[in-house]
PDB file of N, CA and C in Angstrom:
ATOM      1  N   MET A   1      -9.966  -7.975  41.754  1.00  0.00           N
ATOM      2  CA  MET A   1     -10.680  -6.572  40.277  1.00  0.00           C
ATOM      3  C   MET A   1     -11.549  -6.897  40.196  1.00  0.00           C
ATOM      4  N   GLY A   2     -12.484  -5.837  41.082  1.00  0.00           N
ATOM      5  CA  GLY A   2     -14.017  -6.176  40.619  1.00  0.00           C
ATOM      6  C   GLY A   2     -14.784  -5.825  38.984  1.00  0.00           C
ATOM      7  N   TRP A   3     -16.153  -5.830  38.566  1.00  0.00           N
ATOM      8  CA  TRP A   3     -16.228  -5.261  37.959  1.00  0.00           C
ATOM      9  C   TRP A   3     -16.810  -3.452  37.383  1.00  0.00           C
ATOM     10  N   GLY A   4     -16.095  -3.044  38.154  1.00  0.00           N
ATOM     11  CA  GLY A   4     -15.692  -1.027  38.225  1.00  0.00           C
ATOM     12  C   GLY A   4     -14.231  -1.441  37.905  1.00  0.00           C
ATOM     13  N   SER A   5     -13.108  -1.258  38.578  1.00  0.00           N
ATOM     14  CA  SER A   5     -12.346  -1.000  38.229  1.00  0.00           C
ATOM     15  C   SER A   5     -12.051  -0.198  36.555  1.00  0.00           C
ATOM     16  N   GLY A   6     -12.444  -0.269  35.493  1.00  0.00           N
ATOM     17  CA  GLY A   6     -12.498  -0.379  34.262  1.00  0.00           C
ATOM     18  C   GLY A   6     -11.394  -1.169  33.590  1.00  0.00           C
ATOM     19  N   ARG A   7     -11.257  -1.896  33.614  1.00  0.00           N
ATOM     20  CA  ARG A   7     -10.265  -2.900  32.751  1.00  0.00           C
ATOM     21  C   ARG A   7     -11.317  -4.122  32.626  1.00  0.00           C
ATOM     22  N   ARG A   8     -10.819  -4.493  31.282  1.00  0.00           N
ATOM     23  CA  ARG A   8     -11.420  -4.989  30.581  1.00  0.00           C
ATOM     24  C   ARG A   8     -10.750  -7.057  30.774  1.00  0.00           C
ATOM     25  N   SER A   9     -12.058  -7.987  30.431  1.00  0.00           N
ATOM     26  CA  SER A   9     -10.653  -9.171  30.477  1.00  0.00           C
ATOM     27  C   SER A   9     -10.528  -9.717  29.186  1.00  0.00           C
ATOM     28  N   PRO A  10      -8.545  -9.800  29.861  1.00  0.00           N
ATOM     29  CA  PRO A  10      -8.143  -9.854  28.012  1.00  0.00           C
ATOM     30  C   PRO A  10      -9.509 -10.933  27.299  1.00  0.00           C
ATOM     31  N   ARG A  11      -9.734 -11.501  27.020  1.00  0.00           N
ATOM     32  CA  ARG A  11     -10.547 -11.956  25.659  1.00  0.00           C
ATOM     33  C   ARG A  11     -12.006 -11.123  25.656  1.00  0.00           C
ATOM     34  N   LEU A  12     -12.257 -10.392  25.950  1.00  0.00           N
ATOM     35  CA  LEU A  12     -13.325  -9.151  25.682  1.00  0.00           C
ATOM     36  C   LEU A  12     -12.292  -7.580  24.860  1.00  0.00           C
ATOM     37  N   ARG A  13     -11.367  -7.492  24.841  1.00  0.00           N
ATOM     38  CA  ARG A  13     -10.594  -6.336  23.904  1.00  0.00           C
ATOM     39  C   ARG A  13     -10.737  -6.807  22.416  1.00  0.00           C
ATOM     40  N   ARG A  14     -10.983  -5.719  21.856  1.00  0.00           N
ATOM     41  CA  ARG A  14     -10.943  -5.389  20.433  1.00  0.00           C
ATOM     42  C   ARG A  14      -9.947  -6.192  20.235  1.00  0.00           C
ATOM     43  N   PRO A  15      -9.538  -6.618  18.842  1.00  0.00           N
ATOM     44  CA  PRO A  15      -8.337  -6.419  18.211  1.00  0.00           C
ATOM     45  C   PRO A  15      -7.540  -5.242  18.029  1.00  0.00           C
ATOM     46  N   ARG A  16      -6.250  -5.234  17.877  1.00  0.00           N
ATOM     47  CA  ARG A  16      -5.538  -4.336  17.587  1.00  0.00           C
ATOM     48  C   ARG A  16      -5.539  -4.165  16.068  1.00  0.00           C
ATOM     49  N   LEU A  17      -5.980  -4.581  15.232  1.00  0.00           N
ATOM     50  CA  LEU A  17      -6.633  -3.780  13.363  1.00  0.00           C
ATOM     51  C   LEU A  17      -8.160  -3.755  13.191  1.00  0.00           C
ATOM     52  N   ALA A  18      -8.213  -2.420  12.927  1.00  0.00           N
ATOM     53  CA  ALA A  18      -9.783  -2.303  13.135  1.00  0.00           C
ATOM     54  C   ALA A  18     -10.152  -2.963  11.915  1.00  0.00           C
ATOM     55  N   GLY A  19     -11.553  -3.433  11.432  1.00  0.00           N
ATOM     56  CA  GLY A  19     -12.137  -4.164  11.043  1.00  0.00           C
ATOM     57  C   GLY A  19     -12.814  -5.153  11.316  1.00  0.00           C
ATOM     58  N   ARG A  20     -14.475  -4.845  10.809  1.00  0.00           N
ATOM     59  CA  ARG A  20     -16.012  -4.707  10.707  1.00  0.00           C
ATOM     60  C   ARG A  20     -17.098  -5.360   9.628  1.00  0.00           C
ATOM     61  N   ARG A  21     -17.824  -6.205  10.018  1.00  0.00           N
ATOM     62  CA  ARG A  21     -18.454  -7.200   9.116  1.00  0.00           C
ATOM     63  C   ARG A  21     -19.141  -6.603   8.124  1.00  0.00           C
ATOM     64  N   LYS A  22     -20.061  -5.353   8.576  1.00  0.00           N
ATOM     65  CA  LYS A  22     -20.159  -4.541   7.934  1.00  0.00           C
ATOM     66  C   LYS A  22     -19.530  -3.266   7.261  1.00  0.00           C
ATOM     67  N   PRO A  23     -19.882  -2.776   6.147  1.00  0.00           N
ATOM     68  CA  PRO A  23     -18.584  -1.361   5.364  1.00  0.00           C
ATOM     69  C   PRO A  23     -19.569  -0.563   6.382  1.00  0.00           C
ATOM     70  N   TYR A  24     -18.453   0.159   6.291  1.00  0.00           N
ATOM     71  CA  TYR A  24     -18.789   1.668   7.995  1.00  0.00           C
ATOM     72  C   TYR A  24     -19.270   2.160   6.571  1.00  0.00           C
ATOM     73  N   THR A  25     -20.075   3.219   7.962  1.00  0.00           N
ATOM     74  CA  THR A  25     -20.759   4.175   7.167  1.00  0.00           C
ATOM     75  C   THR A  25     -19.637   5.737   7.055  1.00  0.00           C
ATOM     76  N   GLU A  26     -20.239   6.154   5.964  1.00  0.00           N
ATOM     77  CA  GLU A  26     -19.511   7.650   5.740  1.00  0.00           C
ATOM     78  C   GLU A  26     -18.527   8.281   6.807  1.00  0.00           C
ATOM     79  N   ILE A  27     -19.099   8.307   7.191  1.00  0.00           N
ATOM     80  CA  ILE A  27     -19.040   9.083   9.012  1.00  0.00           C
ATOM     81  C   ILE A  27     -18.049   8.680   9.691  1.00  0.00           C
ATOM     82  N   GLY A  28     -18.532   7.066  10.101  1.00  0.00           N
ATOM     83  CA  GLY A  28     -17.826   5.892  10.784  1.00  0.00           C
ATOM     84  C   GLY A  28     -16.616   6.265   9.901  1.00  0.00           C
ATOM     85  N   ILE A  29     -16.461   5.643   9.230  1.00  0.00           N
ATOM     86  CA  ILE A  29     -14.695   5.624   8.111  1.00  0.00           C
ATOM     87  C   ILE A  29     -13.920   6.544   8.985  1.00  0.00           C
ATOM     88  N   ARG A  30     -14.512   7.810   8.635  1.00  0.00           N
ATOM     89  CA  ARG A  30     -13.741   8.840   8.939  1.00  0.00           C
ATOM     90  C   ARG A  30     -13.353   9.454   9.819  1.00  0.00           C
ATOM     91  N   ARG A  31     -13.230   8.203  11.056  1.00  0.00           N
ATOM     92  CA  ARG A  31     -13.225   8.400  12.056  1.00  0.00           C
ATOM     93  C   ARG A  31     -12.352   7.210  12.172  1.00  0.00           C
ATOM     94  N   MET A  32     -11.880   6.535  12.037  1.00  0.00           N
ATOM     95  CA  MET A  32     -11.050   5.131  11.431  1.00  0.00           C
ATOM     96  C   MET A  32      -9.640   6.063  11.328  1.00  0.00           C
ATOM     97  N   LYS A  33      -8.431   4.867  11.923  1.00  0.00           N
ATOM     98  CA  LYS A  33      -6.996   5.613  11.107  1.00  0.00           C
ATOM     99  C   LYS A  33      -6.730   4.414   9.933  1.00  0.00           C
ATOM    100  N   CYS A  34      -5.873   3.949   9.466  1.00  0.00           N
ATOM    101  CA  CYS A  34      -5.981   3.458   8.023  1.00  0.00           C
ATOM    102  C   CYS A  34      -4.852   2.160   9.232  1.00  0.00           C
ATOM    103  N   VAL A  35      -5.141   0.798   8.519  1.00  0.00           N
ATOM    104  CA  VAL A  35      -4.507  -0.069   9.261  1.00  0.00           C
ATOM    105  C   VAL A  35      -3.294  -0.742   8.652  1.00  0.00           C
ATOM    106  N   ARG A  36      -2.721   0.284   7.512  1.00  0.00           N
ATOM    107  CA  ARG A  36      -1.635  -0.036   7.365  1.00  0.00           C
ATOM    108  C   ARG A  36      -0.815   0.924   7.584  1.00  0.00           C
ATOM    109  N   CYS A  37      -0.978   2.130   7.715  1.00  0.00           N
ATOM    110  CA  CYS A  37       0.120   2.720   7.844  1.00  0.00           C
ATOM    111  C   CYS A  37      -0.648   4.378   9.144  1.00  0.00           C
ATOM    112  N   GLY A  38      -1.577   3.720   9.512  1.00  0.00           N
ATOM    113  CA  GLY A  38      -2.160   5.620  10.845  1.00  0.00           C
ATOM    114  C   GLY A  38      -2.797   6.906  10.126  1.00  0.00           C
ATOM    115  N   GLU A  39      -2.903   6.282   8.935  1.00  0.00           N
ATOM    116  CA  GLU A  39      -3.328   7.916   8.500  1.00  0.00           C
ATOM    117  C   GLU A  39      -4.369   8.183   8.929  1.00  0.00           C
ATOM    118  N   PRO A  40      -4.972   9.174   8.389  1.00  0.00           N
ATOM    119  CA  PRO A  40      -7.149   9.067   8.669  1.00  0.00           C
ATOM    120  C   PRO A  40      -7.202   8.437   7.414  1.00  0.00           C
ATOM    121  N   ALA A  41      -8.597   7.420   7.628  1.00  0.00           N
ATOM    122  CA  ALA A  41      -8.760   6.565   6.646  1.00  0.00           C
ATOM    123  C   ALA A  41     -10.122   7.517   6.065  1.00  0.00           C
ATOM    124  N   VAL A  42      -9.907   6.677   4.774  1.00  0.00           N
ATOM    125  CA  VAL A  42     -11.173   7.767   3.562  1.00  0.00           C
ATOM    126  C   VAL A  42     -11.894   6.362   3.345  1.00  0.00           C
ATOM    127  N   HIS A  43     -11.292   5.424   2.651  1.00  0.00           N
ATOM    128  CA  HIS A  43     -11.700   3.982   1.972  1.00  0.00           C
ATOM    129  C   HIS A  43     -11.902   2.941   2.862  1.00  0.00           C
ATOM    130  N   GLN A  44     -12.388   1.808   2.259  1.00  0.00           N
ATOM    131  CA  GLN A  44     -12.596   0.655   3.172  1.00  0.00           C
ATOM    132  C   GLN A  44     -11.573  -0.288   2.219  1.00  0.00           C
ATOM    133  N   TRP A  45     -11.700  -1.556   2.698  1.00  0.00           N
ATOM    134  CA  TRP A  45     -11.071  -3.203   1.313  1.00  0.00           C
ATOM    135  C   TRP A  45     -11.561  -3.770   2.295  1.00  0.00           C
ATOM    136  N   SER A  46     -12.884  -5.476   2.074  1.00  0.00           N
ATOM    137  CA  SER A  46     -12.485  -6.440   2.215  1.00  0.00           C
ATOM    138  C   SER A  46     -12.341  -7.122   1.128  1.00  0.00           C
ATOM    139  N   ALA A  47     -11.250  -8.458   2.032  1.00  0.00           N
ATOM    140  CA  ALA A  47     -10.951  -9.279   1.343  1.00  0.00           C
ATOM    141  C   ALA A  47     -11.107 -10.491   2.194  1.00  0.00           C
ATOM    142  N   CYS A  48     -11.456 -11.918   0.793  1.00  0.00           N
ATOM    143  CA  CYS A  48     -12.240 -12.806   1.360  1.00  0.00           C
ATOM    144  C   CYS A  48     -10.551 -13.508   2.355  1.00  0.00           C
ATOM    145  N   ALA A  49     -10.055 -13.881   2.357  1.00  0.00           N
ATOM    146  CA  ALA A  49      -8.750 -14.551   3.032  1.00  0.00           C
ATOM    147  C   ALA A  49      -8.389 -13.934   3.697  1.00  0.00           C
ATOM    148  N   ASP A  50      -9.054 -12.348   4.478  1.00  0.00           N
ATOM    149  CA  ASP A  50      -8.944 -11.860   5.909  1.00  0.00           C
ATOM    150  C   ASP A  50     -10.159 -12.579   6.608  1.00  0.00           C
ATOM    151  N   GLY A  51     -11.537 -13.269   6.283  1.00  0.00           N
ATOM    152  CA  GLY A  51     -12.757 -13.298   7.134  1.00  0.00           C
ATOM    153  C   GLY A  51     -13.916 -12.213   6.268  1.00  0.00           C
ATOM    154  N   ASN A  52     -13.387 -11.235   5.225  1.00  0.00           N
ATOM    155  CA  ASN A  52     -14.513 -10.244   4.740  1.00  0.00           C
ATOM    156  C   ASN A  52     -14.603  -9.053   5.521  1.00  0.00           C
ATOM    157  N   LEU A  53     -13.927  -9.123   6.682  1.00  0.00           N
ATOM    158  CA  LEU A  53     -13.446  -7.535   7.546  1.00  0.00           C
ATOM    159  C   LEU A  53     -13.785  -6.838   6.570  1.00  0.00           C
ATOM    160  N   TRP A  54     -14.270  -5.513   6.529  1.00  0.00           N
ATOM    161  CA  TRP A  54     -14.195  -4.154   6.160  1.00  0.00           C
ATOM    162  C   TRP A  54     -12.790  -4.024   7.280  1.00  0.00           C
ATOM    163  N   ARG A  55     -12.239  -3.234   6.251  1.00  0.00           N
ATOM    164  CA  ARG A  55     -10.468  -2.078   6.811  1.00  0.00           C
ATOM    165  C   ARG A  55     -10.931  -0.732   6.157  1.00  0.00           C
ATOM    166  N   PRO A  56     -10.608  -0.574   7.903  1.00  0.00           N
ATOM    167  CA  PRO A  56     -10.546   1.071   6.380  1.00  0.00           C
ATOM    168  C   PRO A  56      -9.084   1.595   6.660  1.00  0.00           C
ATOM    169  N   ILE A  57      -8.587   2.055   4.879  1.00  0.00           N
ATOM    170  CA  ILE A  57      -7.309   2.538   4.800  1.00  0.00           C
ATOM    171  C   ILE A  57      -7.517   3.754   4.590  1.00  0.00           C
ATOM    172  N   CYS A  58      -6.149   4.373   4.549  1.00  0.00           N
ATOM    173  CA  CYS A  58      -6.162   6.208   3.776  1.00  0.00           C
ATOM    174  C   CYS A  58      -6.102   6.468   2.564  1.00  0.00           C
ATOM    175  N   ARG A  59      -6.296   7.168   2.211  1.00  0.00           N
ATOM    176  CA  ARG A  59      -6.368   7.528   0.421  1.00  0.00           C
ATOM    177  C   ARG A  59      -4.422   6.679  -0.424  1.00  0.00           C
ATOM    178  N   ASP A  60      -3.842   7.125   0.203  1.00  0.00           N
ATOM    179  CA  ASP A  60      -2.374   6.727  -0.442  1.00  0.00           C
ATOM    180  C   ASP A  60      -2.687   5.300  -0.404  1.00  0.00           C
ATOM    181  N   CYS A  61      -3.247   4.420   0.930  1.00  0.00           N
ATOM    182  CA  CYS A  61      -2.789   3.434   1.311  1.00  0.00           C
ATOM    183  C   CYS A  61      -3.456   2.500  -0.093  1.00  0.00           C
ATOM    184  N   ASP A  62      -5.209   3.050  -0.654  1.00  0.00           N
ATOM    185  CA  ASP A  62      -5.654   3.072  -1.775  1.00  0.00           C
ATOM    186  C   ASP A  62      -5.526   2.854  -2.949  1.00  0.00           C
ATOM    187  N   ILE A  63      -5.230   4.042  -3.482  1.00  0.00           N
ATOM    188  CA  ILE A  63      -4.592   3.611  -4.931  1.00  0.00           C
ATOM    189  C   ILE A  63      -3.453   3.017  -4.933  1.00  0.00           C
ATOM    190  N   LEU A  64      -2.277   2.209  -3.924  1.00  0.00           N
ATOM    191  CA  LEU A  64      -1.540   1.798  -3.829  1.00  0.00           C
ATOM    192  C   LEU A  64      -2.399   0.475  -4.581  1.00  0.00           C
ATOM    193  N   LEU A  65      -3.453   0.139  -3.555  1.00  0.00           N
ATOM    194  CA  LEU A  65      -3.809  -1.672  -3.158  1.00  0.00           C
ATOM    195  C   LEU A  65      -4.336  -1.721  -4.695  1.00  0.00           C
ATOM    196  N   ASN A  66      -5.067  -0.542  -5.510  1.00  0.00           N
ATOM    197  CA  ASN A  66      -5.780  -0.133  -6.491  1.00  0.00           C
ATOM    198  C   ASN A  66      -4.821  -1.115  -7.500  1.00  0.00           C
ATOM    199  N   ARG A  67      -3.596   0.003  -6.998  1.00  0.00           N
ATOM    200  CA  ARG A  67      -2.128  -0.224  -8.388  1.00  0.00           C
ATOM    201  C   ARG A  67      -1.996  -1.937  -8.573  1.00  0.00           C
ATOM    202  N   ILE A  68      -1.601  -2.009  -7.035  1.00  0.00           N
ATOM    203  CA  ILE A  68      -1.661  -3.541  -6.716  1.00  0.00           C
ATOM    204  C   ILE A  68      -2.011  -4.676  -7.678  1.00  0.00           C
ATOM    205  N   ALA A  69      -3.724  -4.307  -7.417  1.00  0.00           N
ATOM    206  CA  ALA A  69      -4.330  -5.261  -8.152  1.00  0.00           C
ATOM    207  C   ALA A  69      -4.873  -5.729  -9.203  1.00  0.00           C
ATOM    208  N   LEU A  70      -4.746  -3.854  -9.651  1.00  0.00           N
ATOM    209  CA  LEU A  70      -4.619  -3.941 -11.822  1.00  0.00           C
ATOM    210  C   LEU A  70      -3.204  -4.928 -12.161  1.00  0.00           C
ATOM    211  N   MET A  71      -1.908  -4.434 -11.295  1.00  0.00           N
ATOM    212  CA  MET A  71      -1.177  -5.652 -11.628  1.00  0.00           C
ATOM    213  C   MET A  71      -1.283  -6.938 -11.936  1.00  0.00           C
ATOM    214  N   PHE A  72      -2.231  -6.609 -10.717  1.00  0.00           N
ATOM    215  CA  PHE A  72      -2.114  -8.600 -10.408  1.00  0.00           C
ATOM    216  C   PHE A  72      -3.284  -9.065 -11.805  1.00  0.00           C
ATOM    217  N   MET A  73      -4.199  -8.233 -12.088  1.00  0.00           N
ATOM    218  CA  MET A  73      -5.284  -8.584 -13.257  1.00  0.00           C
ATOM    219  C   MET A  73      -4.957  -8.843 -14.581  1.00  0.00           C
ATOM    220  N   PHE A  74      -4.123  -6.915 -14.478  1.00  0.00           N
ATOM    221  CA  PHE A  74      -3.914  -6.879 -16.503  1.00  0.00           C
ATOM    222  C   PHE A  74      -1.878  -6.691 -16.927  1.00  0.00           C
ATOM    223  N   PRO A  75      -0.954  -8.082 -16.195  1.00  0.00           N
ATOM    224  CA  PRO A  75      -0.062  -7.825 -16.139  1.00  0.00           C
ATOM    225  C   PRO A  75       0.610  -7.284 -17.307  1.00  0.00           C
ATOM    226  N   ASP A  76       0.056  -7.829 -18.809  1.00  0.00           N
ATOM    227  CA  ASP A  76       0.134  -7.851 -19.942  1.00  0.00           C
ATOM    228  C   ASP A  76       0.307  -6.197 -19.831  1.00  0.00           C
ATOM    229  N   ASP A  77      -1.047  -5.272 -19.382  1.00  0.00           N
ATOM    230  CA  ASP A  77      -1.166  -3.827 -19.725  1.00  0.00           C
ATOM    231  C   ASP A  77      -0.856  -2.994 -18.773  1.00  0.00           C
ATOM    232  N   PRO A  78       0.302  -2.929 -18.943  1.00  0.00           N
ATOM    233  CA  PRO A  78       0.882  -1.615 -17.992  1.00  0.00           C
ATOM    234  C   PRO A  78       0.758   0.619 -18.111  1.00  0.00           C
ATOM    235  N   ASP A  79       1.038  -0.198 -19.594  1.00  0.00           N
ATOM    236  CA  ASP A  79       0.276   1.497 -19.471  1.00  0.00           C
ATOM    237  C   ASP A  79      -1.376   2.258 -19.338  1.00  0.00           C
ATOM    238  N   GLY A  80      -2.126   1.145 -20.147  1.00  0.00           N
ATOM    239  CA  GLY A  80      -3.458   0.993 -19.609  1.00  0.00           C
ATOM    240  C   GLY A  80      -4.424   1.032 -18.236  1.00  0.00           C
ATOM    241  N   ASN A  81      -2.728   0.298 -17.154  1.00  0.00           N
ATOM    242  CA  ASN A  81      -2.980  -0.076 -15.801  1.00  0.00           C
ATOM    243  C   ASN A  81      -2.708   1.133 -15.596  1.00  0.00           C
ATOM    244  N   GLU A  82      -1.808   1.894 -16.022  1.00  0.00           N
ATOM    245  CA  GLU A  82      -1.338   3.711 -15.329  1.00  0.00           C
ATOM    246  C   GLU A  82      -2.559   4.442 -15.449  1.00  0.00           C
ATOM    247  N   GLU A  83      -2.840   4.760 -17.032  1.00  0.00           N
ATOM    248  CA  GLU A  83      -4.105   5.208 -16.847  1.00  0.00           C
ATOM    249  C   GLU A  83      -4.847   4.946 -16.488  1.00  0.00           C
ATOM    250  N   LYS A  84      -5.804   3.837 -16.067  1.00  0.00           N
ATOM    251  CA  LYS A  84      -6.913   3.606 -15.495  1.00  0.00           C
ATOM    252  C   LYS A  84      -6.213   4.290 -13.848  1.00  0.00           C
ATOM    253  N   ILE A  85      -5.259   3.824 -13.462  1.00  0.00           N
ATOM    254  CA  ILE A  85      -4.776   5.000 -12.196  1.00  0.00           C
ATOM    255  C   ILE A  85      -4.778   6.472 -11.631  1.00  0.00           C
ATOM    256  N   ASN A  86      -4.710   6.878 -12.848  1.00  0.00           N
ATOM    257  CA  ASN A  86      -4.449   8.195 -12.941  1.00  0.00           C
ATOM    258  C   ASN A  86      -6.129   8.698 -13.453  1.00  0.00           C
ATOM    259  N   ARG A  87      -6.982   8.410 -13.913  1.00  0.00           N
ATOM    260  CA  ARG A  87      -8.217   8.752 -13.640  1.00  0.00           C
ATOM    261  C   ARG A  87      -8.981   8.453 -12.465  1.00  0.00           C
ATOM    262  N   TYR A  88      -8.708   7.065 -11.737  1.00  0.00           N
ATOM    263  CA  TYR A  88      -9.184   6.982 -10.628  1.00  0.00           C
ATOM    264  C   TYR A  88      -8.265   8.633  -9.348  1.00  0.00           C
ATOM    265  N   ILE A  89      -6.866   8.217  -9.580  1.00  0.00           N
ATOM    266  CA  ILE A  89      -6.651   9.872  -8.636  1.00  0.00           C
ATOM    267  C   ILE A  89      -6.858  10.576  -8.986  1.00  0.00           C
ATOM    268  N   GLU A  90      -7.402  10.948 -10.393  1.00  0.00           N
ATOM    269  CA  GLU A  90      -8.242  12.575 -10.741  1.00  0.00           C
ATOM    270  C   GLU A  90      -9.713  12.783 -10.040  1.00  0.00           C
ATOM    271  N   SER A  91     -10.361  11.334 -10.229  1.00  0.00           N
ATOM    272  CA  SER A  91     -11.390  11.285  -9.310  1.00  0.00           C
ATOM    273  C   SER A  91     -11.625  12.049  -8.155  1.00  0.00           C
ATOM    274  N   LEU A  92     -10.261  11.379  -7.874  1.00  0.00           N
ATOM    275  CA  LEU A  92     -10.652  11.301  -5.992  1.00  0.00           C
ATOM    276  C   LEU A  92     -10.368  12.655  -5.822  1.00  0.00           C
ATOM    277  N   GLU A  93      -9.511  13.782  -6.424  1.00  0.00           N
ATOM    278  CA  GLU A  93      -9.554  14.781  -5.951  1.00  0.00           C
ATOM    279  C   GLU A  93     -10.374  15.734  -5.985  1.00  0.00           C
ATOM    280  N   GLN A  94     -11.498  15.177  -7.003  1.00  0.00           N
ATOM    281  CA  GLN A  94     -12.724  15.786  -7.198  1.00  0.00           C
ATOM    282  C   GLN A  94     -13.818  15.563  -6.237  1.00  0.00           C
ATOM    283  N   LEU A  95     -13.697  14.575  -5.701  1.00  0.00           N
ATOM    284  CA  LEU A  95     -14.426  15.250  -4.360  1.00  0.00           C
ATOM    285  C   LEU A  95     -14.323  15.803  -3.061  1.00  0.00           C
TER     286      LEU A  95
END
């Protein structure tokens, strides 16, 4: 197989999950699919344990991830967490 065959070397292929070191632009993120469910992405997350790669996620997965983070950070305030999530969802609907 020569260079013109259109096939890439296995070492040059992109990983299955999208992610990048710099945050996506507003236009760029909307071109991506959510790494969790495959729906169109509208937000992005970065985690230190994941190599600080920015990962595209959809609206529903973003809400779920925020809910999980609030439960982790404030386990003794489930009512307050739900109030915060509801405010966040309302703010997303205004966009």
